[in-house]
Amino acid sequence: MSKPIAMLSLAFLLLLGGCATKAKFNLQGSYQSERVDGYNVLICFQQDESSFVEYIDSREVDRGTYEKTKDNVYRIKSDKQNFEITLNDENSFEIVIKKLNKGNPIKLKNLSAIPGYPSNKYGDEAEYQALLN
């Protein structure tokens, strides 16, 4: 009788240990915000090139590179901005764009592990790029 109890206890501990393990995510794919001040923010990360492209309402506003500095922390670099993000357990992160959301953090959630790049040209990209200044 003690052998089945020991087996059940071991199975329970293994199951409990598996539930306690945190998922590890890599920064890759597309991350998008909810609408903030009437805008959507989208950042696409290409892991094999360590590059990113940032969009506001499907207008390209920035592009550059990124590097992992420690667990779940990434340094984003471009000609327009340099900042760090921390990828959380939900595979999302927060950024601050001073001219949006009253300067409060904006949460971007992972949409896909494969980046999706909007390709339309609207002719008003400079207006959207100005939101980063």
Protein backbone atom coordinates (compact mmCIF):
# COMPACT_ATOMS: atom_id res chain seq x y z
CA MET A 1 0.00 0.00 0.00
CA SER A 2 2.86 2.42 0.68
CA LYS A 3 4.29 1.98 -2.84
CA PRO A 4 1.12 3.35 -4.57
CA ILE A 5 1.05 6.29 -2.12
CA ALA A 6 4.70 7.02 -2.86
CA MET A 7 4.02 6.89 -6.62
CA LEU A 8 1.03 9.22 -6.24
CA SER A 9 3.06 11.61 -4.14
CA LEU A 10 5.87 11.64 -6.71
CA ALA A 11 3.40 12.25 -9.56
CA PHE A 12 1.81 15.10 -7.61
CA LEU A 13 5.19 16.73 -6.91
CA LEU A 14 6.18 16.48 -10.58
CA LEU A 15 2.88 18.00 -11.65
CA LEU A 16 3.18 20.77 -9.08
CA GLY A 17 6.77 21.49 -10.14
CA GLY A 18 5.73 21.70 -13.79
CA CYS A 19 3.03 24.25 -12.99
CA ALA A 20 5.47 26.40 -11.03
CA THR A 21 7.97 26.66 -13.89
CA LYS A 22 7.90 30.08 -15.54
CA ALA A 23 7.71 30.20 -19.29
CA LYS A 24 10.73 31.83 -20.93
CA PHE A 25 10.05 33.96 -23.98
CA ASN A 26 12.41 35.46 -26.51
CA LEU A 27 11.75 38.85 -28.03
CA GLN A 28 10.52 37.94 -31.50
CA GLY A 29 7.54 38.53 -33.71
CA SER A 30 4.89 41.23 -33.52
CA TYR A 31 3.82 43.12 -30.40
CA GLN A 32 0.86 45.51 -30.48
CA SER A 33 -0.88 47.86 -28.07
CA GLU A 34 -4.54 48.52 -27.53
CA ARG A 35 -5.71 51.85 -28.97
CA VAL A 36 -4.06 54.67 -27.03
CA ASP A 37 -5.17 58.25 -27.71
CA GLY A 38 -6.62 56.94 -30.98
CA TYR A 39 -3.38 55.22 -32.09
CA ASN A 40 -2.13 51.63 -32.24
CA VAL A 41 1.55 50.98 -31.63
CA LEU A 42 3.12 47.93 -33.30
CA ILE A 43 6.72 46.78 -33.00
CA CYS A 44 8.02 43.88 -35.08
CA PHE A 45 11.19 42.08 -33.99
CA GLN A 46 13.25 39.99 -36.40
CA GLN A 47 15.23 37.70 -34.08
CA ASP A 48 17.75 36.34 -36.58
CA GLU A 49 18.79 39.89 -37.55
CA SER A 50 18.33 41.44 -34.07
CA SER A 51 16.37 44.22 -35.75
CA PHE A 52 13.05 45.93 -35.17
CA VAL A 53 10.59 48.16 -36.99
CA GLU A 54 8.14 50.35 -35.06
CA TYR A 55 4.79 51.48 -36.46
CA ILE A 56 2.08 53.82 -35.28
CA ASP A 57 -1.21 53.20 -37.10
CA SER A 58 0.64 51.15 -39.74
CA ARG A 59 3.04 54.01 -40.48
CA GLU A 60 6.71 53.20 -40.03
CA VAL A 61 8.11 55.59 -37.45
CA ASP A 62 11.41 53.97 -36.47
CA ARG A 63 13.74 51.06 -37.09
CA GLY A 64 16.95 49.81 -35.55
CA THR A 65 18.53 46.97 -33.63
CA TYR A 66 18.17 45.33 -30.26
CA GLU A 67 20.28 43.20 -27.97
CA LYS A 68 19.58 41.07 -24.94
CA THR A 69 21.38 42.50 -21.91
CA LYS A 70 20.18 40.00 -19.30
CA ASP A 71 17.26 37.63 -18.73
CA ASN A 72 14.17 39.16 -20.35
CA VAL A 73 15.79 42.63 -20.66
CA TYR A 74 16.54 44.09 -24.09
CA ARG A 75 18.24 47.31 -25.17
CA ILE A 76 16.55 48.95 -28.16
CA LYS A 77 18.71 51.24 -30.32
CA SER A 78 17.90 53.47 -33.27
CA ASP A 79 18.71 56.92 -34.61
CA LYS A 80 15.56 58.28 -32.94
CA GLN A 81 15.47 56.56 -29.57
CA ASN A 82 17.29 54.27 -27.18
CA PHE A 83 15.48 52.51 -24.37
CA GLU A 84 15.19 49.21 -22.50
CA ILE A 85 12.25 46.86 -22.29
CA THR A 86 11.60 43.96 -19.96
CA LEU A 87 9.70 41.04 -21.43
CA ASN A 88 7.33 39.73 -18.76
CA ASP A 89 5.80 36.30 -18.07
CA GLU A 90 2.85 37.12 -20.37
CA ASN A 91 5.20 37.72 -23.34
CA SER A 92 4.41 41.44 -23.28
CA PHE A 93 6.27 44.61 -22.31
CA GLU A 94 5.71 48.31 -21.74
CA ILE A 95 7.15 51.33 -23.54
CA VAL A 96 6.78 55.07 -23.04
CA ILE A 97 6.05 57.42 -25.91
CA LYS A 98 5.92 60.85 -24.28
CA LYS A 99 3.33 62.25 -26.70
CA LEU A 100 0.95 59.31 -26.23
CA ASN A 101 -0.97 58.17 -23.16
CA LYS A 102 0.15 61.31 -21.24
CA GLY A 103 3.64 59.83 -21.03
CA ASN A 104 2.41 56.77 -19.13
CA PRO A 105 3.60 53.27 -20.10
CA ILE A 106 1.88 51.57 -23.02
CA LYS A 107 1.58 47.78 -22.88
CA LEU A 108 2.40 45.84 -26.05
CA LYS A 109 1.24 42.22 -26.23
CA ASN A 110 2.65 39.52 -28.47
CA LEU A 111 0.43 38.83 -31.48
CA SER A 112 2.61 36.30 -33.26
CA ALA A 113 6.08 34.74 -33.12
CA ILE A 114 6.42 35.69 -36.79
CA PRO A 115 6.69 39.44 -37.43
CA GLY A 116 4.03 40.93 -39.69
CA TYR A 117 5.06 44.14 -41.41
CA PRO A 118 2.46 46.60 -42.74
CA SER A 119 3.42 47.58 -46.28
CA ASN A 120 1.13 50.48 -47.16
CA LYS A 121 2.57 53.93 -47.78
CA TYR A 122 0.25 56.74 -46.71
CA GLY A 123 2.40 59.80 -47.37
CA ASP A 124 1.89 61.18 -43.86
CA GLU A 125 4.59 59.15 -42.09
CA ALA A 126 6.42 62.31 -40.92
CA GLU A 127 3.34 63.29 -38.90
CA TYR A 128 3.47 59.96 -37.05
CA GLN A 129 7.27 60.04 -36.66
CA ALA A 130 6.85 63.37 -34.87
CA LEU A 131 5.09 61.50 -32.03
CA LEU A 132 8.50 60.06 -31.07
CA ASN A 133 10.18 63.49 -30.74
